[in-house]
Amino acid sequence: MALFTLSLRHLPRSRCASARARGSIPAGWLSHDRRGNESESRRVIGDQMSKHARQSILIVGGGVFGITAAIELHARGWQVIVLDQGRVPHPDAASTDISKVIRMDYGADEIYTAMGEAAICGWLRWNAQWDTPLFHQDGFLMMTRDREMQPGSFERESLEFLTQRGHALGRVGAADLRKAHPAWNSNVYRDGYLNPSGGWAESQRVVAQLAGLASSCGVVIHEHAAFASFLENGTRITGVQDASGRQWHANLVLVAAGAWTPFLLPHLRAVMKITGQPVVHLQPENADAFRPPAFPVWAADIGRTGWYGFPANAEGIVKVANHGPGREITEPGQSREVTVAEIARFMEFLRGTFPQLATARIAATRQCWYCDTFDGHFWIDHDRPGLLVAAGDSGHAFKFAPLLGGMIADVVDGTPNAWAHRFRARTKRGDGADGARANL
């Protein structure tokens, strides 16, 4: 039975069941549930294992795209080797931080909303399977500075679309904010809503957990094996050579190298770029004032400003970040230091939004590197014979971790998938897929 599977028993059960009925979650991703579908799931997985017996795939990159794909492909019968340039989780990977937002709120975008719903079911399943739950369903609070959320805004469209889909959301006005969420400046933020289904995941620990699962089920992970070049036979990619000179051969190569992808595949720079996003970890004196339910995961007029953050974790650290244009990265060795000017911008925001946090000690800073596609959609497709690419996180992929492996494996297999068409290779047109991404 596949280790990387989804059950649809959670959040709420009716939502998961309706997602399955619509066909938005491929049957091959499901483990058995209370309706007795174990035999069908075993049949699908057995067919896939038979189809791919003795086929090998080499995955370049052990981040959330690569490691989830490794688990799913191994479950389908592939022999899987993962190469990473450092240890897994890699300290510079986008997912290597204390937290990532888990949300289904995507304006009126039906595909991402459905994926978000399904992913949260998957996160809850993982919580039930793992010794330590790593998804914290503390809710997701989105506030705007408007007296009333404006028609067409990201927040208003998310509220209306999720309500239409049957989700029970709580409208939050200035008076509600003052009473239930006192850390906020209710004179500035006057309308929004709370989605109790959202929350956050301990992202670095999640990748470590998944890497452990991959190793235990037979995936071979080689750390400190940096990519150097592709091996080719005519027009077909047949493997890679690492920086030590060792050659690795496989039937198929999957590049899932996150922000390093455009460096490895320069021809994709026409449709992908790397941006650095500043992140600040704060340690307030009274961490309890910044814990749920008073202080859940939050977004502060995010469609216009890009500001978002998290409740205090077990160590009392409050993470604040910006989901905006960022700083363009052109070299792999470029500085990851958060600048004085960026920190000043954080402090200005905090003084106007969470005055008590503005005086908190800065415990750490980091620069999170996104692999941005031109339109903000992921990039999961065949590139040339023998080579696939799964990248282009665009700063919003981690929440879909329970779905990514299945979707990537479906593209590898050529298996129909309800969502994969959005992430095919494509020509440059338009931009701005995620309404939560500020275009400052």
Protein backbone atom coordinates (compact mmCIF):
# COMPACT_ATOMS: atom_id res chain seq x y z
CA MET A 1 0.00 0.00 0.00
CA ALA A 2 1.34 3.46 -0.83
CA LEU A 3 2.70 5.45 2.04
CA PHE A 4 1.85 8.67 0.26
CA THR A 5 -1.94 8.58 0.18
CA LEU A 6 -4.95 10.66 1.05
CA SER A 7 -7.96 9.78 3.11
CA LEU A 8 -11.07 11.94 2.83
CA ARG A 9 -12.42 11.60 6.36
CA HIS A 10 -11.68 15.07 7.65
CA LEU A 11 -12.37 18.77 7.50
CA PRO A 12 -15.30 18.43 7.39
CA ARG A 13 -16.16 14.94 6.20
CA SER A 14 -18.83 16.30 3.83
CA ARG A 15 -16.29 18.60 2.14
CA CYS A 16 -13.81 15.77 1.62
CA ALA A 17 -16.56 13.49 0.34
CA SER A 18 -17.83 16.09 -2.12
CA ALA A 19 -14.29 16.67 -3.41
CA ARG A 20 -14.07 12.99 -4.17
CA ALA A 21 -17.51 12.92 -5.79
CA ARG A 22 -16.53 15.78 -8.13
CA GLY A 23 -13.50 13.77 -9.20
CA SER A 24 -11.12 16.52 -8.13
CA ILE A 25 -9.00 13.98 -6.26
CA PRO A 26 -7.78 11.10 -8.42
CA ALA A 27 -8.78 7.72 -7.07
CA GLY A 28 -5.22 6.45 -7.06
CA TRP A 29 -4.31 8.93 -4.32
CA LEU A 30 -6.78 7.55 -1.81
CA SER A 31 -6.18 5.08 0.96
CA HIS A 32 -9.04 3.05 2.36
CA ASP A 33 -11.70 4.97 4.23
CA ARG A 34 -14.78 4.02 6.25
CA ARG A 35 -16.75 3.31 3.09
CA GLY A 36 -14.61 0.28 2.28
CA ASN A 37 -12.49 1.41 -0.66
CA GLU A 38 -9.32 -0.42 0.41
CA SER A 39 -9.55 -3.07 -2.30
CA GLU A 40 -9.91 -0.51 -5.09
CA SER A 41 -6.93 1.45 -3.79
CA ARG A 42 -4.83 -1.72 -3.60
CA ARG A 43 -5.85 -2.64 -7.16
CA VAL A 44 -4.82 0.78 -8.55
CA ILE A 45 -1.49 0.70 -6.74
CA GLY A 46 -0.86 -2.91 -7.77
CA ASP A 47 -1.48 -2.05 -11.43
CA GLN A 48 0.94 0.87 -11.22
CA MET A 49 3.65 -1.20 -9.52
CA SER A 50 3.38 -3.88 -12.18
CA LYS A 51 3.58 -1.26 -14.95
CA HIS A 52 6.79 0.32 -13.61
CA ALA A 53 8.61 -2.70 -12.25
CA ARG A 54 12.38 -2.28 -12.74
CA GLN A 55 12.02 1.25 -14.17
CA SER A 56 14.28 3.80 -12.50
CA ILE A 57 13.94 7.52 -11.88
CA LEU A 58 16.56 9.93 -10.60
CA ILE A 59 15.20 12.95 -8.71
CA VAL A 60 17.42 16.02 -8.45
CA GLY A 61 16.34 17.85 -5.30
CA GLY A 62 15.07 16.61 -1.94
CA GLY A 63 12.64 19.44 -1.14
CA VAL A 64 8.88 19.15 -0.91
CA PHE A 65 8.38 18.55 -4.65
CA GLY A 66 11.16 15.97 -4.89
CA ILE A 67 10.57 14.02 -1.70
CA THR A 68 6.78 13.71 -2.12
CA ALA A 69 7.29 12.59 -5.72
CA ALA A 70 9.86 10.05 -4.56
CA ILE A 71 7.44 8.47 -2.10
CA GLU A 72 4.60 8.27 -4.59
CA LEU A 73 6.71 7.01 -7.49
CA HIS A 74 8.26 4.31 -5.30
CA ALA A 75 4.75 3.25 -4.28
CA ARG A 76 3.95 2.88 -7.99
CA GLY A 77 6.85 0.53 -8.56
CA TRP A 78 9.66 2.82 -9.66
CA GLN A 79 13.20 2.44 -8.37
CA VAL A 80 13.85 5.91 -6.97
CA ILE A 81 17.11 7.71 -6.16
CA VAL A 82 17.11 11.27 -4.80
CA LEU A 83 20.19 13.48 -5.08
CA ASP A 84 20.50 16.67 -3.06
CA GLN A 85 23.35 19.17 -3.02
CA GLY A 86 23.31 19.28 0.79
CA ARG A 87 21.58 17.53 3.60
CA VAL A 88 17.82 16.92 3.60
CA PRO A 89 16.10 19.16 4.60
CA HIS A 90 18.51 21.53 2.88
CA PRO A 91 19.12 24.61 5.06
CA ASP A 92 18.60 26.98 2.11
CA ALA A 93 15.44 25.34 0.72
CA ALA A 94 12.27 27.42 0.73
CA SER A 95 10.55 24.81 2.90
CA THR A 96 13.31 24.85 5.51
CA ASP A 97 11.77 27.24 8.00
CA ILE A 98 9.77 26.89 11.17
CA SER A 99 6.38 27.29 9.49
CA LYS A 100 4.34 27.55 6.31
CA VAL A 101 0.73 28.68 5.88
CA ILE A 102 -1.88 26.02 5.11
CA ARG A 103 -4.94 27.62 3.52
CA MET A 104 -7.67 26.98 0.98
CA ASP A 105 -8.37 30.70 0.50
CA TYR A 106 -7.63 31.59 -3.14
CA GLY A 107 -10.17 34.20 -4.14
CA ALA A 108 -12.56 32.78 -6.74
CA ASP A 109 -9.98 30.37 -8.18
CA GLU A 110 -11.77 27.02 -8.26
CA ILE A 111 -8.72 24.86 -8.95
CA TYR A 112 -6.53 26.17 -6.14
CA THR A 113 -9.49 26.26 -3.76
CA ALA A 114 -10.34 22.61 -4.48
CA MET A 115 -6.68 21.69 -4.13
CA GLY A 116 -6.53 23.54 -0.82
CA GLU A 117 -9.57 21.67 0.48
CA ALA A 118 -8.10 18.34 -0.54
CA ALA A 119 -4.67 19.21 0.84
CA ILE A 120 -6.09 20.03 4.27
CA CYS A 121 -7.72 16.59 4.29
CA GLY A 122 -4.26 15.21 3.59
CA TRP A 123 -2.63 17.23 6.35
CA LEU A 124 -5.14 15.91 8.85
CA ARG A 125 -4.51 12.37 7.66
CA TRP A 126 -0.78 12.86 8.17
CA ASN A 127 -1.46 14.19 11.66
CA ALA A 128 -3.37 10.99 12.43
CA GLN A 129 -0.60 8.79 11.01
CA TRP A 130 2.45 10.49 12.49
CA ASP A 131 3.59 10.26 16.11
CA THR A 132 3.78 14.05 16.36
CA PRO A 133 1.17 16.16 14.53
CA LEU A 134 2.95 18.79 12.43
CA PHE A 135 -0.12 20.57 11.04
CA HIS A 136 -1.70 23.00 13.49
CA GLN A 137 -5.27 23.84 12.53
CA ASP A 138 -5.36 27.14 14.41
CA GLY A 139 -7.39 29.00 11.79
CA PHE A 140 -6.52 31.64 9.20
CA LEU A 141 -7.54 35.25 9.87
CA MET A 142 -7.57 37.66 6.91
CA MET A 143 -8.15 41.33 7.66
CA THR A 144 -8.34 44.41 5.43
CA ARG A 145 -8.00 48.10 6.13
CA ASP A 146 -11.30 48.81 4.41
CA ARG A 147 -14.44 49.60 6.37
CA GLU A 148 -15.96 46.79 4.34
CA MET A 149 -14.11 44.30 2.14
CA GLN A 150 -14.26 45.62 -1.41
CA PRO A 151 -15.99 43.70 -4.21
CA GLY A 152 -13.34 42.03 -6.36
CA SER A 153 -10.72 42.07 -3.61
CA PHE A 154 -8.84 38.90 -2.78
CA GLU A 155 -10.38 38.77 0.70
CA ARG A 156 -13.96 39.41 -0.44
CA GLU A 157 -13.76 36.90 -3.28
CA SER A 158 -12.27 34.27 -0.96
CA LEU A 159 -15.05 34.83 1.58
CA GLU A 160 -17.83 34.63 -0.98
CA PHE A 161 -16.41 31.66 -2.91
CA LEU A 162 -15.68 29.55 0.17
CA THR A 163 -19.12 30.36 1.59
CA GLN A 164 -20.69 29.21 -1.69
CA ARG A 165 -18.74 25.96 -1.34
CA GLY A 166 -20.24 25.31 2.08
CA HIS A 167 -17.51 26.49 4.43
CA ALA A 168 -18.55 28.14 7.69
CA LEU A 169 -16.46 31.30 7.98
CA GLY A 170 -16.64 33.93 10.70
CA ARG A 171 -16.92 37.58 9.64
CA VAL A 172 -14.63 39.77 11.76
CA GLY A 173 -15.21 43.50 12.10
CA ALA A 174 -13.26 46.06 14.11
CA ALA A 175 -15.24 45.40 17.30
CA ASP A 176 -14.79 41.63 16.92
CA LEU A 177 -11.08 42.11 16.30
CA ARG A 178 -10.71 44.28 19.40
CA LYS A 179 -12.45 41.70 21.57
CA ALA A 180 -11.18 38.37 20.19
CA HIS A 181 -7.82 39.35 18.69
CA PRO A 182 -6.52 42.23 20.83
CA ALA A 183 -2.97 42.23 19.45
CA TRP A 184 -4.30 43.76 16.22
CA ASN A 185 -4.72 47.49 15.67
CA SER A 186 -8.49 47.57 15.23
CA ASN A 187 -8.41 51.24 14.32
CA VAL A 188 -6.65 50.32 11.09
CA TYR A 189 -8.02 46.84 10.28
CA ARG A 190 -11.78 46.97 10.13
CA ASP A 191 -13.17 44.06 8.14
CA GLY A 192 -12.19 40.49 7.35
CA TYR A 193 -12.97 36.91 8.22
CA LEU A 194 -11.66 33.86 10.06
CA ASN A 195 -11.43 30.51 8.30
CA PRO A 196 -11.20 27.86 11.06
CA SER A 197 -10.00 25.20 8.59
CA GLY A 198 -6.66 26.87 7.90
CA GLY A 199 -3.51 26.86 9.96
CA TRP A 200 0.19 26.20 9.63
CA ALA A 201 2.67 23.36 9.31
CA GLU A 202 6.13 22.92 10.84
CA SER A 203 7.65 22.85 7.39
CA GLN A 204 11.23 21.81 8.09
CA ARG A 205 10.04 18.99 10.35
CA VAL A 206 7.54 17.92 7.69
CA VAL A 207 10.29 17.54 5.07
CA ALA A 208 12.42 15.63 7.57
CA GLN A 209 9.46 13.37 8.35
CA LEU A 210 8.78 12.73 4.67
CA ALA A 211 12.46 12.04 3.99
CA GLY A 212 12.42 9.49 6.77
CA LEU A 213 9.31 7.86 5.30
CA ALA A 214 10.93 7.80 1.87
CA SER A 215 14.06 6.09 3.19
CA SER A 216 12.05 3.58 5.20
CA CYS A 217 10.01 2.52 2.18
CA GLY A 218 13.03 2.01 -0.07
CA VAL A 219 13.80 5.37 -1.69
CA VAL A 220 17.58 5.91 -1.79
CA ILE A 221 18.60 9.45 -0.77
CA HIS A 222 22.13 10.67 -1.45
CA GLU A 223 23.02 13.89 0.35
CA HIS A 224 25.86 16.24 -0.63
CA ALA A 225 25.60 15.09 -4.24
CA ALA A 226 25.41 18.39 -6.11
CA PHE A 227 24.28 18.40 -9.72
CA ALA A 228 27.02 19.16 -12.27
CA SER A 229 25.65 18.17 -15.69
CA PHE A 230 23.25 15.93 -17.55
CA LEU A 231 24.25 12.68 -19.21
CA GLU A 232 22.89 12.43 -22.74
CA ASN A 233 22.48 9.88 -25.49
CA GLY A 234 21.58 11.83 -28.59
CA THR A 235 18.62 14.02 -27.64
CA ARG A 236 17.66 11.91 -24.62
CA ILE A 237 18.68 12.61 -21.02
CA THR A 238 19.96 9.37 -19.46
CA GLY A 239 21.17 10.56 -16.07
CA VAL A 240 23.32 13.17 -14.32
CA GLN A 241 26.88 13.63 -13.20
CA ASP A 242 27.38 15.09 -9.75
CA ALA A 243 30.04 17.54 -8.62
CA SER A 244 32.34 14.72 -7.50
CA GLY A 245 32.32 13.22 -11.00
CA ARG A 246 30.08 10.27 -10.15
CA GLN A 247 27.61 9.36 -12.87
CA TRP A 248 24.02 8.37 -12.09
CA HIS A 249 21.97 6.64 -14.78
CA ALA A 250 18.19 6.20 -14.86
CA ASN A 251 15.32 5.70 -17.27
CA LEU A 252 14.03 9.12 -16.31
CA VAL A 253 15.39 12.24 -14.57
CA LEU A 254 13.10 14.56 -12.59
CA VAL A 255 14.48 18.00 -11.74
CA ALA A 256 12.77 19.24 -8.59
CA ALA A 257 15.45 21.68 -7.51
CA GLY A 258 13.29 24.54 -6.25
CA ALA A 259 14.94 27.94 -6.60
CA TRP A 260 18.01 26.30 -8.17
CA THR A 261 15.96 25.04 -11.14
CA PRO A 262 16.66 28.02 -13.47
CA PHE A 263 20.38 27.64 -12.74
CA LEU A 264 20.28 23.95 -13.70
CA LEU A 265 18.02 24.53 -16.71
CA PRO A 266 18.94 27.95 -18.13
CA HIS A 267 16.40 27.71 -20.96
CA LEU A 268 13.65 28.02 -18.34
CA ARG A 269 14.83 31.49 -17.30
CA ALA A 270 12.46 32.85 -19.93
CA VAL A 271 9.54 31.62 -17.84
CA MET A 272 11.03 31.38 -14.33
CA LYS A 273 12.98 33.71 -12.10
CA ILE A 274 14.27 33.53 -8.54
CA THR A 275 13.14 36.07 -5.96
CA GLY A 276 14.29 36.49 -2.38
CA GLN A 277 11.61 37.22 0.23
CA PRO A 278 12.56 38.58 3.68
CA VAL A 279 11.47 36.67 6.80
CA VAL A 280 11.81 37.84 10.41
CA HIS A 281 11.51 35.73 13.58
CA LEU A 282 10.51 37.71 16.66
CA GLN A 283 10.61 36.69 20.32
CA PRO A 284 8.11 38.76 22.31
CA GLU A 285 8.37 38.88 26.09
CA ASN A 286 4.83 37.57 26.50
CA ALA A 287 4.56 34.87 23.85
CA ASP A 288 1.17 33.74 25.17
CA ALA A 289 -0.36 36.97 23.88
CA PHE A 290 0.49 35.75 20.38
CA ARG A 291 -0.95 32.24 20.52
CA PRO A 292 -4.30 30.87 19.27
CA PRO A 293 -7.15 31.39 19.46
CA ALA A 294 -6.43 35.10 19.94
CA PHE A 295 -3.56 35.05 17.45
CA PRO A 296 -3.98 32.49 14.65
CA VAL A 297 -2.22 32.50 11.29
CA TRP A 298 -2.96 35.89 9.77
CA ALA A 299 -2.85 38.04 6.65
CA ALA A 300 -2.89 41.82 6.93
CA ASP A 301 -4.50 43.30 3.80
CA ILE A 302 -2.31 40.77 2.02
CA GLY A 303 -3.57 41.34 -1.51
CA ARG A 304 -2.26 44.91 -1.32
CA THR A 305 0.61 44.64 1.16
CA GLY A 306 1.86 41.02 1.13
CA TRP A 307 2.12 40.86 4.94
CA TYR A 308 1.35 37.60 6.71
CA GLY A 309 2.52 35.67 9.74
CA PHE A 310 2.06 33.03 12.39
CA PRO A 311 1.24 32.51 16.03
CA ALA A 312 4.05 31.94 18.51
CA ASN A 313 5.42 28.42 18.24
CA ALA A 314 6.49 26.17 21.12
CA GLU A 315 9.70 28.18 21.50
CA GLY A 316 7.80 31.48 21.64
CA ILE A 317 8.90 32.62 18.15
CA VAL A 318 6.50 34.68 16.03
CA LYS A 319 7.31 34.58 12.32
CA VAL A 320 6.45 37.55 10.08
CA ALA A 321 7.00 37.53 6.32
CA ASN A 322 6.10 39.32 3.12
CA HIS A 323 4.57 37.69 0.04
CA GLY A 324 5.48 40.36 -2.49
CA PRO A 325 7.76 41.13 -5.45
CA GLY A 326 10.90 40.37 -3.42
CA ARG A 327 14.48 40.82 -4.55
CA GLU A 328 15.62 39.29 -7.83
CA ILE A 329 18.31 36.62 -7.47
CA THR A 330 20.70 36.14 -10.38
CA GLU A 331 23.54 34.08 -8.89
CA PRO A 332 23.47 30.92 -6.71
CA GLY A 333 25.93 32.48 -4.26
CA GLN A 334 24.04 35.74 -3.89
CA SER A 335 23.70 37.06 -0.33
CA ARG A 336 20.76 35.82 1.69
CA GLU A 337 21.09 38.54 4.28
CA VAL A 338 17.99 40.52 5.17
CA THR A 339 18.96 44.16 4.81
CA VAL A 340 18.63 47.01 7.29
CA ALA A 341 16.13 48.65 4.96
CA GLU A 342 14.00 45.49 4.86
CA ILE A 343 14.02 45.21 8.64
CA ALA A 344 13.01 48.88 8.90
CA ARG A 345 10.06 48.11 6.62
CA PHE A 346 9.04 45.23 8.91
CA MET A 347 9.19 47.49 11.95
CA GLU A 348 7.07 50.13 10.26
CA PHE A 349 4.45 47.52 9.43
CA LEU A 350 4.47 46.09 12.97
CA ARG A 351 4.05 49.50 14.60
CA GLY A 352 0.88 50.06 12.60
CA THR A 353 -0.53 46.54 12.88
CA PHE A 354 0.75 44.76 16.02
CA PRO A 355 2.24 47.50 18.23
CA GLN A 356 3.32 45.03 20.93
CA LEU A 357 5.39 43.06 18.42
CA ALA A 358 7.26 46.13 17.24
CA THR A 359 9.36 46.09 20.41
CA ALA A 360 10.03 42.33 20.38
CA ARG A 361 13.57 41.04 20.06
CA ILE A 362 14.57 39.88 16.58
CA ALA A 363 15.57 36.26 17.11
CA ALA A 364 16.54 35.51 13.51
CA THR A 365 16.14 36.58 9.90
CA ARG A 366 16.35 34.68 6.64
CA GLN A 367 15.72 35.22 2.98
CA CYS A 368 13.35 32.69 1.44
CA TRP A 369 14.06 32.07 -2.24
CA TYR A 370 11.02 31.50 -4.45
CA CYS A 371 11.18 29.91 -7.89
CA ASP A 372 8.65 32.20 -9.55
CA THR A 373 6.99 31.32 -12.82
CA PHE A 374 5.78 34.24 -14.94
CA ASP A 375 2.14 33.52 -14.06
CA GLY A 376 2.52 32.17 -10.51
CA HIS A 377 1.43 28.62 -11.41
CA PHE A 378 3.69 25.63 -10.72
CA TRP A 379 5.61 23.97 -13.56
CA ILE A 380 5.14 20.18 -13.72
CA ASP A 381 5.74 18.65 -17.13
CA HIS A 382 8.06 16.77 -19.47
CA ASP A 383 10.89 18.98 -20.73
CA ARG A 384 12.66 16.79 -23.29
CA PRO A 385 13.06 13.02 -23.77
CA GLY A 386 14.12 11.48 -20.46
CA LEU A 387 13.64 14.70 -18.45
CA LEU A 388 10.79 16.13 -16.40
CA VAL A 389 10.60 19.31 -14.32
CA ALA A 390 8.60 19.85 -11.13
CA ALA A 391 9.32 23.35 -9.88
CA GLY A 392 7.98 26.91 -9.94
CA ASP A 393 6.65 26.97 -6.37
CA SER A 394 6.00 30.73 -6.74
CA GLY A 395 5.85 31.03 -2.97
CA HIS A 396 2.64 29.06 -2.44
CA ALA A 397 3.32 25.37 -3.09
CA PHE A 398 4.14 23.91 0.31
CA LYS A 399 0.53 23.87 1.51
CA PHE A 400 -0.20 21.34 -1.25
CA ALA A 401 2.42 18.86 -0.04
CA PRO A 402 -0.12 16.02 0.43
CA LEU A 403 -1.10 16.39 -3.25
CA LEU A 404 2.18 17.20 -5.00
CA GLY A 405 3.63 13.69 -5.10
CA GLY A 406 0.49 12.21 -6.63
CA MET A 407 0.21 14.96 -9.20
CA ILE A 408 3.88 14.73 -10.23
CA ALA A 409 3.64 10.94 -10.46
CA ASP A 410 0.54 11.23 -12.64
CA VAL A 411 2.46 13.48 -15.04
CA VAL A 412 5.33 10.98 -15.07
CA ASP A 413 2.89 8.13 -15.77
CA GLY A 414 0.65 9.97 -18.17
CA THR A 415 -2.24 9.25 -15.80
CA PRO A 416 -5.23 11.64 -16.11
CA ASN A 417 -5.23 14.24 -13.36
CA ALA A 418 -7.91 16.82 -12.64
CA TRP A 419 -5.44 19.61 -11.92
CA ALA A 420 -2.20 18.91 -13.77
CA HIS A 421 -3.27 20.74 -16.94
CA ARG A 422 -2.79 24.06 -15.14
CA PHE A 423 0.88 23.29 -14.51
CA ARG A 424 1.92 22.14 -17.98
CA ALA A 425 4.79 23.77 -19.85
CA ARG A 426 3.44 26.93 -21.44
CA THR A 427 4.37 30.10 -23.26
CA LYS A 428 4.68 33.36 -21.39
CA ARG A 429 1.47 35.30 -20.99
CA GLY A 430 0.00 37.40 -18.19
CA ASP A 431 1.01 37.12 -14.54
CA GLY A 432 -0.28 37.02 -10.98
CA ALA A 433 -2.01 33.70 -10.22
CA ASP A 434 -2.08 33.95 -6.42
CA GLY A 435 -4.27 36.84 -5.29
CA ALA A 436 -2.50 36.80 -1.93
CA ARG A 437 0.74 37.89 -3.65
CA ALA A 438 1.11 41.66 -3.36
CA ASN A 439 2.26 43.43 -6.51
CA LEU A 440 3.89 46.41 -4.83
